[in-house]
Amino acid sequence: MTSQATVPQIGHLIDGKTSATELRDIYDPGRLDEVVAQVAVGTPEDVDRAVRAAHAAFPGWRDTPASERVRKLLAAADIVAAGSEELGPLLVREHGGVLQEAQTDFALGTGVLQHTASNTEEFLRPVQYDDDQCFISVEKVPRGVAAAVVPWNMPLVLTMIKLAPALATGNTFVLKPSPFAPAALTKVLGRIAAILPPGVLNVVHGDGDVGAALCGHPLVRKVGFTGGTATGRKVAEATASTVKNVTLELGGNDPAIVLDDADIDATLDRMLKGVYTRSGQICFAVKRVYIPRAMYRRFADAVCERVDEYAVGHGLDPQASFGPLNNEAQFKKVLDLLDRTRASAATLVELGRKLDPSSWDNGYYVLPHVVRDVDHTAPVSCEEQFGPVVPLIAYDDEEQAVSWANDSEYGLCSSVWTADPDRGLAVARRIEAGSTFINAHSFDALDLRMPFGGVKQSGVGREYGTAGLSAYVEDHAIRRLK
């Protein structure tokens, strides 16, 4: 049991001050008897204080020159980068990932701040027309108070892709972190808030009632949400009554289509990182793989051989390939899906090894699984697993593979694997998704110049790059007759 004296206490951050009237223990998902941090439990009244502080700070931040806001973003990037070594282990003990995954979160968050800063001033430059009849200026202006709700799996980068464009364009900000991984993120945000005017950046902790109060607050003009599709629908409902602009980055069931000319070893070198990183708990993880029937057995055998080398344990164990699932609800959901798959006609293969079998039941640990000889319509193929399990589905021709890939309520990301770039591009253009990668499908596939978001039930709007900046501004058209 962690000593109470060593447990950090994390309060709300409102108008430049920290506060907490009630604290909740946050437990390590890999050592369920260890308290990682104590975090404030907020109320709708806390939300109102935070939003009103952001609203009061908005005029001053809006009128701050863009060049100064850019300097603050670059300073924030330095803060995030500097926090990786110190706070990475804390993040591991909150969300269950391995240390490298936590450090990747810090690195990606740093990159988002830097990239946003590099684009801001050019993006905000007015578009103007001047002729004999009139002068027109189309100017981008901030919306006001921006609110964000982020999940636990990659909290740093998922916050920064909302915070960076919001602050860069002159909005103020109120965040509700996930109650499953709030501590390391809030420590970083406290350091960023210290270099900003009071009220520009605020954090309120809590559960669904806090999120609902934030998304529905009448002074909030923009909401950015990353999380599950069911919760995303509730966010959309909460924003509807006050007609807010909303960006929803929701669930996914990302298909990977392996074409018949793909090199199996080269494909798996890259693909498996997109399946099992963060124990499969990533919205755009590879969640179903379509393989030509003629090469199915060779491909499936190669997958199982590689996955069997994985070791599962606590995220701070340097031998761990990946760590536990994050929370009890997700753990039970994955176990239920495995039970249903085990009872079906498919072949469920449990692989890998336990690093510390004696403590296995003291965490939300699940070994990696591969599902062979599985139907396209099986639950494990149609549902978002969000765990270390992937179905391998045989297809007969390219048309069938594309049709099955598109036969989903989701449409976040996807991938095509081939030795022929032109063929890969032709197939990619037929897939219904926000992003399609060719010969990649993991964090390596992302590029901040690419808009990120989903179609269908995977979301509304886009983040990253100039698309992310656009989400936090209104076009103000001014016309003067001559």
Protein backbone atom coordinates (compact mmCIF):
# COMPACT_ATOMS: atom_id res chain seq x y z
CA MET A 1 0.00 0.00 0.00
CA THR A 2 1.32 3.44 -0.96
CA SER A 3 2.02 5.70 1.99
CA GLN A 4 -0.60 8.42 2.29
CA ALA A 5 2.14 11.00 2.79
CA THR A 6 3.58 10.28 -0.67
CA VAL A 7 0.30 10.45 -2.57
CA PRO A 8 -0.11 13.68 -4.58
CA GLN A 9 -3.31 15.60 -4.02
CA ILE A 10 -4.77 17.09 -7.20
CA GLY A 11 -7.32 19.88 -6.92
CA HIS A 12 -9.37 21.86 -9.39
CA LEU A 13 -7.61 24.70 -11.16
CA ILE A 14 -9.95 27.68 -11.39
CA ASP A 15 -8.95 31.28 -12.10
CA GLY A 16 -5.31 30.56 -11.28
CA LYS A 17 -6.05 28.92 -7.91
CA THR A 18 -6.24 25.28 -6.82
CA SER A 19 -9.07 24.02 -4.64
CA ALA A 20 -10.73 20.82 -3.46
CA THR A 21 -13.49 20.14 -0.93
CA GLU A 22 -13.64 16.39 -1.51
CA LEU A 23 -10.90 14.02 -2.66
CA ARG A 24 -11.13 10.61 -4.33
CA ASP A 25 -8.46 7.89 -4.38
CA ILE A 26 -7.09 6.91 -7.79
CA TYR A 27 -5.75 3.35 -7.89
CA ASP A 28 -3.04 1.79 -10.05
CA PRO A 29 -4.78 -0.58 -12.54
CA GLY A 30 -1.76 -2.87 -12.32
CA ARG A 31 -1.56 -2.85 -8.52
CA LEU A 32 -5.08 -2.44 -7.28
CA ASP A 33 -4.05 -2.03 -3.64
CA GLU A 34 -1.93 1.05 -4.39
CA VAL A 35 -3.30 4.60 -4.34
CA VAL A 36 -1.61 6.70 -7.03
CA ALA A 37 -3.18 10.06 -6.26
CA GLN A 38 -6.09 11.76 -4.57
CA VAL A 39 -8.11 13.92 -6.94
CA ALA A 40 -10.83 16.47 -6.33
CA VAL A 41 -14.44 15.53 -6.98
CA GLY A 42 -16.22 18.43 -8.61
CA THR A 43 -19.80 19.61 -8.81
CA PRO A 44 -21.81 21.63 -11.33
CA GLU A 45 -21.13 24.63 -9.06
CA ASP A 46 -17.39 24.14 -9.61
CA VAL A 47 -18.03 24.05 -13.34
CA ASP A 48 -19.93 27.32 -13.16
CA ARG A 49 -17.05 28.99 -11.31
CA ALA A 50 -14.54 27.74 -13.86
CA VAL A 51 -16.60 28.76 -16.89
CA ARG A 52 -17.27 32.21 -15.46
CA ALA A 53 -13.56 32.67 -14.75
CA ALA A 54 -12.79 31.70 -18.36
CA HIS A 55 -15.53 34.01 -19.62
CA ALA A 56 -14.11 36.93 -17.62
CA ALA A 57 -10.59 36.23 -18.93
CA PHE A 58 -11.70 35.93 -22.54
CA PRO A 59 -11.62 39.62 -23.65
CA GLY A 60 -8.06 40.10 -22.43
CA TRP A 61 -6.80 36.87 -23.99
CA ARG A 62 -8.67 37.53 -27.25
CA ASP A 63 -7.00 40.93 -27.50
CA THR A 64 -3.52 39.57 -26.74
CA PRO A 65 -1.50 39.73 -29.99
CA ALA A 66 -1.32 36.42 -31.82
CA SER A 67 2.46 36.58 -31.71
CA GLU A 68 2.35 36.64 -27.90
CA ARG A 69 -0.11 33.75 -27.78
CA VAL A 70 2.26 31.80 -30.02
CA ARG A 71 5.14 32.48 -27.63
CA LYS A 72 3.03 31.13 -24.78
CA LEU A 73 2.28 27.98 -26.77
CA LEU A 74 5.97 27.38 -27.40
CA ALA A 75 6.67 27.88 -23.70
CA ALA A 76 3.89 25.39 -22.94
CA ALA A 77 5.54 22.91 -25.31
CA ASP A 78 8.75 23.20 -23.30
CA ILE A 79 6.78 22.55 -20.10
CA VAL A 80 5.18 19.40 -21.52
CA ALA A 81 8.51 18.10 -22.81
CA ALA A 82 10.21 18.78 -19.47
CA GLY A 83 7.49 16.88 -17.59
CA SER A 84 7.96 13.59 -19.41
CA GLU A 85 10.74 12.12 -17.27
CA GLU A 86 9.26 13.27 -13.96
CA LEU A 87 5.57 12.62 -14.61
CA GLY A 88 5.73 9.71 -17.06
CA PRO A 89 5.86 7.12 -14.25
CA LEU A 90 2.86 8.76 -12.55
CA LEU A 91 0.90 8.55 -15.79
CA VAL A 92 1.83 4.87 -16.13
CA ARG A 93 0.48 4.20 -12.64
CA GLU A 94 -2.78 5.94 -13.55
CA HIS A 95 -3.60 4.58 -16.99
CA GLY A 96 -1.77 1.25 -17.02
CA GLY A 97 0.36 1.77 -20.13
CA VAL A 98 4.06 1.02 -20.31
CA LEU A 99 6.54 3.83 -19.73
CA GLN A 100 7.39 4.24 -23.41
CA GLU A 101 3.70 4.75 -24.19
CA ALA A 102 3.44 7.43 -21.51
CA GLN A 103 6.53 9.17 -22.85
CA THR A 104 5.05 9.00 -26.35
CA ASP A 105 1.99 10.81 -25.01
CA PHE A 106 4.19 13.63 -23.69
CA ALA A 107 6.16 13.77 -26.95
CA LEU A 108 3.04 13.94 -29.10
CA GLY A 109 1.55 16.63 -26.86
CA THR A 110 4.74 18.65 -27.24
CA GLY A 111 4.62 18.26 -31.01
CA VAL A 112 1.00 19.40 -31.21
CA LEU A 113 1.79 22.62 -29.32
CA GLN A 114 4.81 23.35 -31.51
CA HIS A 115 3.02 22.56 -34.76
CA THR A 116 0.01 24.67 -33.81
CA ALA A 117 2.25 27.58 -32.89
CA SER A 118 4.00 27.38 -36.27
CA ASN A 119 0.69 27.67 -38.17
CA THR A 120 -1.22 30.19 -36.07
CA GLU A 121 -0.23 33.60 -37.43
CA GLU A 122 -0.57 32.62 -41.09
CA PHE A 123 -3.90 30.93 -40.34
CA LEU A 124 -5.30 34.06 -38.65
CA ARG A 125 -4.32 36.42 -41.45
CA PRO A 126 -7.53 38.00 -42.86
CA VAL A 127 -8.62 37.33 -46.42
CA GLN A 128 -9.31 40.72 -48.01
CA TYR A 129 -10.78 42.04 -51.27
CA ASP A 130 -10.59 45.65 -52.44
CA ASP A 131 -12.22 46.81 -55.67
CA ASP A 132 -14.08 49.81 -57.04
CA GLN A 133 -17.30 48.88 -55.26
CA CYS A 134 -16.24 47.85 -51.78
CA PHE A 135 -13.65 46.62 -49.31
CA ILE A 136 -14.19 43.15 -47.78
CA SER A 137 -12.28 41.60 -44.89
CA VAL A 138 -12.99 38.02 -43.78
CA GLU A 139 -11.46 37.63 -40.35
CA LYS A 140 -11.15 34.66 -38.04
CA VAL A 141 -12.24 35.44 -34.49
CA PRO A 142 -12.32 33.22 -31.39
CA ARG A 143 -15.58 31.69 -30.26
CA GLY A 144 -15.22 32.45 -26.53
CA VAL A 145 -15.02 29.82 -23.78
CA ALA A 146 -13.95 26.44 -25.14
CA ALA A 147 -14.64 23.31 -23.09
CA ALA A 148 -13.01 19.91 -23.47
CA VAL A 149 -13.60 16.43 -22.08
CA VAL A 150 -10.81 13.90 -22.60
CA PRO A 151 -10.35 10.17 -21.88
CA TRP A 152 -7.68 8.31 -19.96
CA ASN A 153 -5.81 6.42 -22.66
CA MET A 154 -3.62 9.25 -24.07
CA PRO A 155 -4.60 12.24 -21.93
CA LEU A 156 -1.67 14.56 -22.76
CA VAL A 157 -1.95 14.60 -26.53
CA LEU A 158 -5.75 14.40 -26.53
CA THR A 159 -5.84 17.50 -24.34
CA MET A 160 -3.23 19.38 -26.37
CA ILE A 161 -5.05 18.89 -29.68
CA LYS A 162 -7.87 20.90 -28.11
CA LEU A 163 -5.95 23.27 -25.86
CA ALA A 164 -3.39 24.34 -28.46
CA PRO A 165 -5.79 25.57 -31.17
CA ALA A 166 -8.16 27.03 -28.59
CA LEU A 167 -5.50 29.20 -26.93
CA ALA A 168 -3.73 30.01 -30.19
CA THR A 169 -6.86 31.53 -31.68
CA GLY A 170 -7.77 33.53 -28.57
CA ASN A 171 -10.29 31.34 -26.76
CA THR A 172 -10.15 30.55 -23.06
CA PHE A 173 -10.38 26.96 -21.86
CA VAL A 174 -12.05 24.68 -19.31
CA LEU A 175 -11.10 21.00 -19.18
CA LYS A 176 -12.64 17.98 -17.51
CA PRO A 177 -10.06 15.18 -17.41
CA SER A 178 -10.99 11.53 -17.12
CA PRO A 179 -11.37 10.45 -13.49
CA PHE A 180 -9.20 7.42 -14.40
CA ALA A 181 -6.06 9.41 -15.35
CA PRO A 182 -6.26 13.00 -14.08
CA ALA A 183 -3.12 13.50 -11.99
CA ALA A 184 -0.14 13.77 -14.34
CA LEU A 185 -2.19 15.77 -16.83
CA THR A 186 -3.36 18.27 -14.21
CA LYS A 187 0.16 18.74 -12.89
CA VAL A 188 1.30 19.67 -16.40
CA LEU A 189 -1.67 21.98 -16.95
CA GLY A 190 -1.01 23.72 -13.63
CA ARG A 191 2.47 24.59 -14.87
CA ILE A 192 1.09 25.87 -18.15
CA ALA A 193 -1.60 27.90 -16.39
CA ALA A 194 1.12 29.60 -14.32
CA ILE A 195 2.51 31.28 -17.46
CA LEU A 196 -0.94 32.43 -18.60
CA PRO A 197 -3.27 35.14 -17.25
CA PRO A 198 -5.61 33.80 -14.52
CA GLY A 199 -8.77 32.22 -15.91
CA VAL A 200 -7.38 31.44 -19.36
CA LEU A 201 -6.86 27.76 -18.49
CA ASN A 202 -9.07 25.98 -15.95
CA VAL A 203 -9.53 22.35 -14.89
CA VAL A 204 -12.51 20.79 -13.09
CA HIS A 205 -12.47 17.14 -12.04
CA GLY A 206 -15.47 14.90 -11.62
CA ASP A 207 -17.87 12.42 -13.14
CA GLY A 208 -20.66 12.54 -15.69
CA ASP A 209 -22.60 15.29 -13.92
CA VAL A 210 -19.57 17.58 -14.20
CA GLY A 211 -19.16 16.77 -17.89
CA ALA A 212 -22.84 17.41 -18.57
CA ALA A 213 -22.75 20.72 -16.70
CA LEU A 214 -19.68 21.80 -18.65
CA CYS A 215 -20.99 20.82 -22.08
CA GLY A 216 -24.37 22.40 -21.40
CA HIS A 217 -23.18 25.63 -19.75
CA PRO A 218 -24.66 28.64 -21.60
CA LEU A 219 -21.35 30.56 -21.58
CA VAL A 220 -19.45 27.74 -23.31
CA ARG A 221 -19.37 28.29 -27.05
CA LYS A 222 -17.22 25.38 -28.21
CA VAL A 223 -16.94 21.77 -26.98
CA GLY A 224 -14.22 19.31 -27.94
CA PHE A 225 -14.79 15.70 -26.86
CA THR A 226 -12.82 12.49 -27.28
CA GLY A 227 -14.35 9.29 -25.99
CA GLY A 228 -16.88 6.57 -26.65
CA THR A 229 -19.71 6.96 -29.13
CA ALA A 230 -22.46 6.49 -26.52
CA THR A 231 -21.04 9.31 -24.39
CA GLY A 232 -20.52 11.41 -27.51
CA ARG A 233 -24.25 11.27 -28.19
CA LYS A 234 -24.88 12.63 -24.69
CA VAL A 235 -22.39 15.44 -25.31
CA ALA A 236 -24.19 16.33 -28.53
CA GLU A 237 -27.50 16.42 -26.67
CA ALA A 238 -26.05 18.63 -23.94
CA THR A 239 -24.72 21.13 -26.49
CA ALA A 240 -27.85 21.24 -28.63
CA SER A 241 -29.98 23.49 -26.43
CA THR A 242 -27.47 26.35 -26.70
CA VAL A 243 -26.38 25.56 -30.29
CA LYS A 244 -22.69 25.19 -29.54
CA ASN A 245 -20.07 24.20 -32.04
CA VAL A 246 -18.91 20.67 -31.18
CA THR A 247 -16.10 18.37 -32.27
CA LEU A 248 -16.61 14.69 -31.43
CA GLU A 249 -13.80 12.18 -31.85
CA LEU A 250 -15.49 8.91 -30.98
CA GLY A 251 -15.06 5.16 -31.13
CA GLY A 252 -13.69 3.13 -33.99
CA ASN A 253 -13.56 -0.39 -35.35
CA ASP A 254 -10.66 0.15 -37.69
CA PRO A 255 -10.21 -2.36 -40.52
CA ALA A 256 -6.85 -3.35 -41.99
CA ILE A 257 -7.02 -4.86 -45.49
CA VAL A 258 -4.08 -7.05 -46.45
CA LEU A 259 -3.83 -7.39 -50.24
CA ASP A 260 -2.53 -10.55 -51.89
CA ASP A 261 0.81 -8.98 -52.85
CA ALA A 262 1.70 -7.89 -49.30
CA ASP A 263 4.88 -9.16 -47.68
CA ILE A 264 3.76 -10.88 -44.47
CA ASP A 265 6.84 -10.15 -42.37
CA ALA A 266 7.09 -6.52 -43.46
CA THR A 267 3.38 -6.06 -42.83
CA LEU A 268 3.49 -7.50 -39.33
CA ASP A 269 6.58 -5.44 -38.44
CA ARG A 270 4.35 -2.38 -38.64
CA MET A 271 0.81 -3.65 -38.17
CA LEU A 272 1.14 -5.31 -34.77
CA LYS A 273 2.19 -2.02 -33.17
CA GLY A 274 -1.23 -0.76 -34.19
CA VAL A 275 -3.02 -3.73 -32.61
CA TYR A 276 -1.54 -4.18 -29.14
CA THR A 277 -0.07 -0.79 -28.18
CA ARG A 278 -1.80 0.42 -24.97
CA SER A 279 -3.28 -3.11 -24.72
CA GLY A 280 -5.45 -2.23 -27.73
CA GLN A 281 -7.00 0.70 -25.86
CA ILE A 282 -6.61 3.27 -28.62
CA CYS A 283 -9.50 4.64 -30.66
CA PHE A 284 -7.70 4.08 -33.98
CA ALA A 285 -6.08 0.76 -33.14
CA VAL A 286 -6.30 -2.00 -35.74
CA LYS A 287 -9.41 -3.87 -34.59
CA ARG A 288 -10.09 -6.29 -37.48
CA VAL A 289 -7.80 -7.65 -40.18
CA TYR A 290 -8.98 -8.87 -43.60
CA ILE A 291 -6.68 -11.39 -45.26
CA PRO A 292 -6.89 -13.10 -48.68
CA ARG A 293 -8.11 -16.66 -48.19
CA ALA A 294 -5.18 -18.08 -50.15
CA MET A 295 -2.65 -16.65 -47.70
CA TYR A 296 -4.82 -16.77 -44.57
CA ARG A 297 -3.16 -19.68 -42.78
CA ARG A 298 0.37 -18.41 -43.38
CA PHE A 299 -0.57 -14.93 -42.20
CA ALA A 300 -2.47 -16.14 -39.12
CA ASP A 301 0.36 -18.49 -38.14
CA ALA A 302 2.85 -15.64 -38.41
CA VAL A 303 0.66 -13.37 -36.26
CA CYS A 304 0.34 -15.98 -33.54
CA GLU A 305 4.06 -16.73 -33.58
CA ARG A 306 4.91 -13.07 -33.04
CA VAL A 307 2.18 -12.30 -30.50
CA ASP A 308 3.23 -15.30 -28.43
CA GLU A 309 6.49 -13.45 -27.71
CA TYR A 310 4.68 -10.67 -25.84
CA ALA A 311 4.98 -10.36 -22.07
CA VAL A 312 2.26 -8.67 -20.02
CA GLY A 313 2.93 -6.96 -16.72
CA HIS A 314 3.04 -3.67 -14.87
CA GLY A 315 3.83 -0.69 -17.05
CA LEU A 316 6.93 0.21 -15.04
CA ASP A 317 8.41 -3.25 -15.62
CA PRO A 318 10.89 -2.76 -18.50
CA GLN A 319 10.14 -6.29 -19.73
CA ALA A 320 6.44 -5.56 -20.27
CA SER A 321 5.25 -5.44 -23.87
CA PHE A 322 2.05 -3.88 -22.58
CA GLY A 323 0.26 -3.39 -19.29
CA PRO A 324 -3.19 -3.94 -17.80
CA LEU A 325 -6.50 -2.57 -18.96
CA ASN A 326 -7.34 0.71 -17.32
CA ASN A 327 -10.47 0.09 -15.29
CA GLU A 328 -12.87 -2.54 -14.04
CA ALA A 329 -15.67 -1.75 -16.49
CA GLN A 330 -13.40 -2.11 -19.51
CA PHE A 331 -11.81 -5.24 -18.02
CA LYS A 332 -15.22 -6.90 -17.61
CA LYS A 333 -16.28 -5.83 -21.10
CA VAL A 334 -13.23 -7.44 -22.70
CA LEU A 335 -13.61 -10.62 -20.64
CA ASP A 336 -17.25 -10.87 -21.66
CA LEU A 337 -16.31 -10.48 -25.33
CA LEU A 338 -13.67 -13.19 -24.96
CA ASP A 339 -16.21 -15.51 -23.30
CA ARG A 340 -18.70 -14.99 -26.12
CA THR A 341 -16.00 -15.58 -28.72
CA ARG A 342 -14.80 -18.72 -26.92
CA ALA A 343 -18.35 -20.08 -27.04
CA SER A 344 -18.68 -19.42 -30.79
CA ALA A 345 -17.42 -21.36 -33.80
CA ALA A 346 -14.30 -19.18 -34.04
CA THR A 347 -10.94 -20.25 -32.68
CA LEU A 348 -9.76 -18.03 -29.80
CA VAL A 349 -6.02 -18.29 -29.22
CA GLU A 350 -4.54 -16.97 -25.96
CA LEU A 351 -0.88 -16.07 -26.34
CA GLY A 352 2.02 -14.37 -24.57
CA ARG A 353 3.16 -14.82 -20.98
CA LYS A 354 2.58 -13.32 -17.56
CA LEU A 355 5.59 -11.45 -16.18
CA ASP A 356 4.46 -11.84 -12.57
CA PRO A 357 1.85 -14.59 -12.23
CA SER A 358 1.68 -14.18 -8.46
CA SER A 359 0.29 -10.62 -8.79
CA TRP A 360 -1.79 -11.24 -11.91
CA ASP A 361 -5.09 -10.98 -10.05
CA ASN A 362 -4.04 -7.69 -8.44
CA GLY A 363 -4.56 -5.83 -11.70
CA TYR A 364 -6.75 -5.70 -14.79
CA TYR A 365 -4.42 -7.92 -16.80
CA VAL A 366 -5.44 -9.71 -20.00
CA LEU A 367 -3.08 -11.73 -22.19
CA PRO A 368 -3.07 -11.00 -25.93
CA HIS A 369 -5.58 -12.95 -28.00
CA VAL A 370 -5.92 -13.72 -31.70
CA VAL A 371 -9.24 -14.89 -33.14
CA ARG A 372 -8.88 -17.23 -36.10
CA ASP A 373 -11.47 -18.64 -38.51
CA VAL A 374 -13.92 -15.96 -37.47
CA ASP A 375 -16.88 -14.64 -39.43
CA HIS A 376 -17.12 -11.01 -40.51
CA THR A 377 -20.43 -10.68 -38.67
CA ALA A 378 -19.22 -12.10 -35.33
CA PRO A 379 -19.43 -9.78 -32.30
CA VAL A 380 -15.64 -9.70 -31.95
CA SER A 381 -15.48 -8.42 -35.54
CA CYS A 382 -18.29 -5.88 -35.25
CA GLU A 383 -17.78 -4.44 -31.77
CA GLU A 384 -14.99 -2.13 -30.69
CA GLN A 385 -12.94 -4.42 -28.46
CA PHE A 386 -10.70 -1.78 -26.83
CA GLY A 387 -8.53 -4.59 -25.53
CA PRO A 388 -5.69 -6.92 -26.60
CA VAL A 389 -7.70 -9.06 -29.01
CA VAL A 390 -7.93 -8.99 -32.80
CA PRO A 391 -10.02 -11.04 -35.25
CA LEU A 392 -8.38 -12.32 -38.47
CA ILE A 393 -11.01 -12.60 -41.22
CA ALA A 394 -10.52 -14.39 -44.55
CA TYR A 395 -11.91 -12.78 -47.72
CA ASP A 396 -12.30 -14.06 -51.29
CA ASP A 397 -11.70 -10.98 -53.43
CA GLU A 398 -10.83 -7.32 -53.15
CA GLU A 399 -14.43 -6.18 -53.65
CA GLN A 400 -15.54 -8.30 -50.70
CA ALA A 401 -12.75 -6.95 -48.49
CA VAL A 402 -13.69 -3.34 -49.18
CA SER A 403 -17.39 -4.07 -48.72
CA TRP A 404 -16.75 -5.73 -45.36
CA ALA A 405 -14.43 -2.95 -44.24
CA ASN A 406 -17.20 -0.44 -44.91
CA ASP A 407 -19.90 -2.60 -43.32
CA SER A 408 -19.66 -0.91 -39.93
CA GLU A 409 -21.33 1.88 -38.00
CA TYR A 410 -17.81 3.21 -37.37
CA GLY A 411 -15.42 5.02 -39.68
CA LEU A 412 -12.43 6.43 -37.82
CA CYS A 413 -9.24 5.07 -39.43
CA SER A 414 -8.29 2.19 -41.71
CA SER A 415 -5.32 0.78 -43.56
CA VAL A 416 -4.31 -1.03 -46.74
CA TRP A 417 -1.23 -3.28 -46.91
CA THR A 418 0.37 -3.91 -50.29
CA ALA A 419 3.60 -3.95 -52.26
CA ASP A 420 2.00 -1.74 -54.94
CA PRO A 421 1.56 1.91 -53.81
CA ASP A 422 -0.82 2.75 -56.68
CA ARG A 423 -3.01 -0.24 -55.94
CA GLY A 424 -3.01 0.68 -52.27
CA LEU A 425 -4.11 4.22 -53.10
CA ALA A 426 -6.94 2.96 -55.32
CA VAL A 427 -8.26 0.70 -52.55
CA ALA A 428 -7.82 3.41 -49.90
CA ARG A 429 -10.06 5.77 -51.84
CA ARG A 430 -12.92 3.27 -51.60
CA ILE A 431 -12.84 2.98 -47.81
CA GLU A 432 -15.30 4.96 -45.67
CA ALA A 433 -13.12 6.46 -42.95
CA GLY A 434 -11.72 9.72 -41.71
CA SER A 435 -8.18 8.52 -42.40
CA THR A 436 -6.71 5.65 -44.40
CA PHE A 437 -3.07 4.70 -44.09
CA ILE A 438 -1.10 2.65 -46.60
CA ASN A 439 1.41 0.21 -45.06
CA ALA A 440 1.04 1.78 -41.63
CA HIS A 441 -1.58 1.88 -38.87
CA SER A 442 -0.22 3.06 -35.52
CA PHE A 443 1.19 6.24 -34.03
CA ASP A 444 3.82 6.09 -36.77
CA ALA A 445 1.03 6.65 -39.30
CA LEU A 446 -0.09 9.99 -37.86
CA ASP A 447 1.02 13.32 -39.28
CA LEU A 448 -0.03 16.66 -37.79
CA ARG A 449 -0.67 17.98 -41.30
CA MET A 450 -3.49 15.43 -41.68
CA PRO A 451 -6.94 16.25 -40.30
CA PHE A 452 -7.96 13.61 -37.76
CA GLY A 453 -11.52 12.52 -37.07
CA GLY A 454 -14.18 10.06 -38.11
CA VAL A 455 -17.23 9.54 -40.27
CA LYS A 456 -20.52 7.84 -39.40
CA GLN A 457 -20.65 6.97 -35.67
CA SER A 458 -16.96 7.76 -35.24
CA GLY A 459 -17.49 11.46 -34.90
CA VAL A 460 -18.09 14.97 -36.14
CA GLY A 461 -15.40 17.45 -37.15
CA ARG A 462 -11.62 17.23 -37.40
CA GLU A 463 -8.60 17.90 -35.22
CA TYR A 464 -4.87 18.50 -35.92
CA GLY A 465 -3.30 21.17 -38.14
CA THR A 466 -5.31 23.96 -39.72
CA ALA A 467 -8.46 21.84 -39.47
CA GLY A 468 -8.06 21.89 -35.70
CA LEU A 469 -7.53 25.64 -35.70
CA SER A 470 -10.66 26.13 -37.82
CA ALA A 471 -12.78 24.42 -35.19
CA TYR A 472 -12.06 27.19 -32.67
CA VAL A 473 -12.84 30.25 -34.78
CA GLU A 474 -15.77 31.95 -36.43
CA ASP A 475 -15.51 33.72 -39.77
CA HIS A 476 -16.41 37.38 -39.32
CA ALA A 477 -17.11 39.01 -42.70
CA ILE A 478 -16.83 42.82 -42.84
CA ARG A 479 -17.85 44.80 -45.95
CA ARG A 480 -17.46 48.55 -46.53
CA LEU A 481 -19.09 50.18 -49.54
CA LYS A 482 -17.25 52.90 -51.42
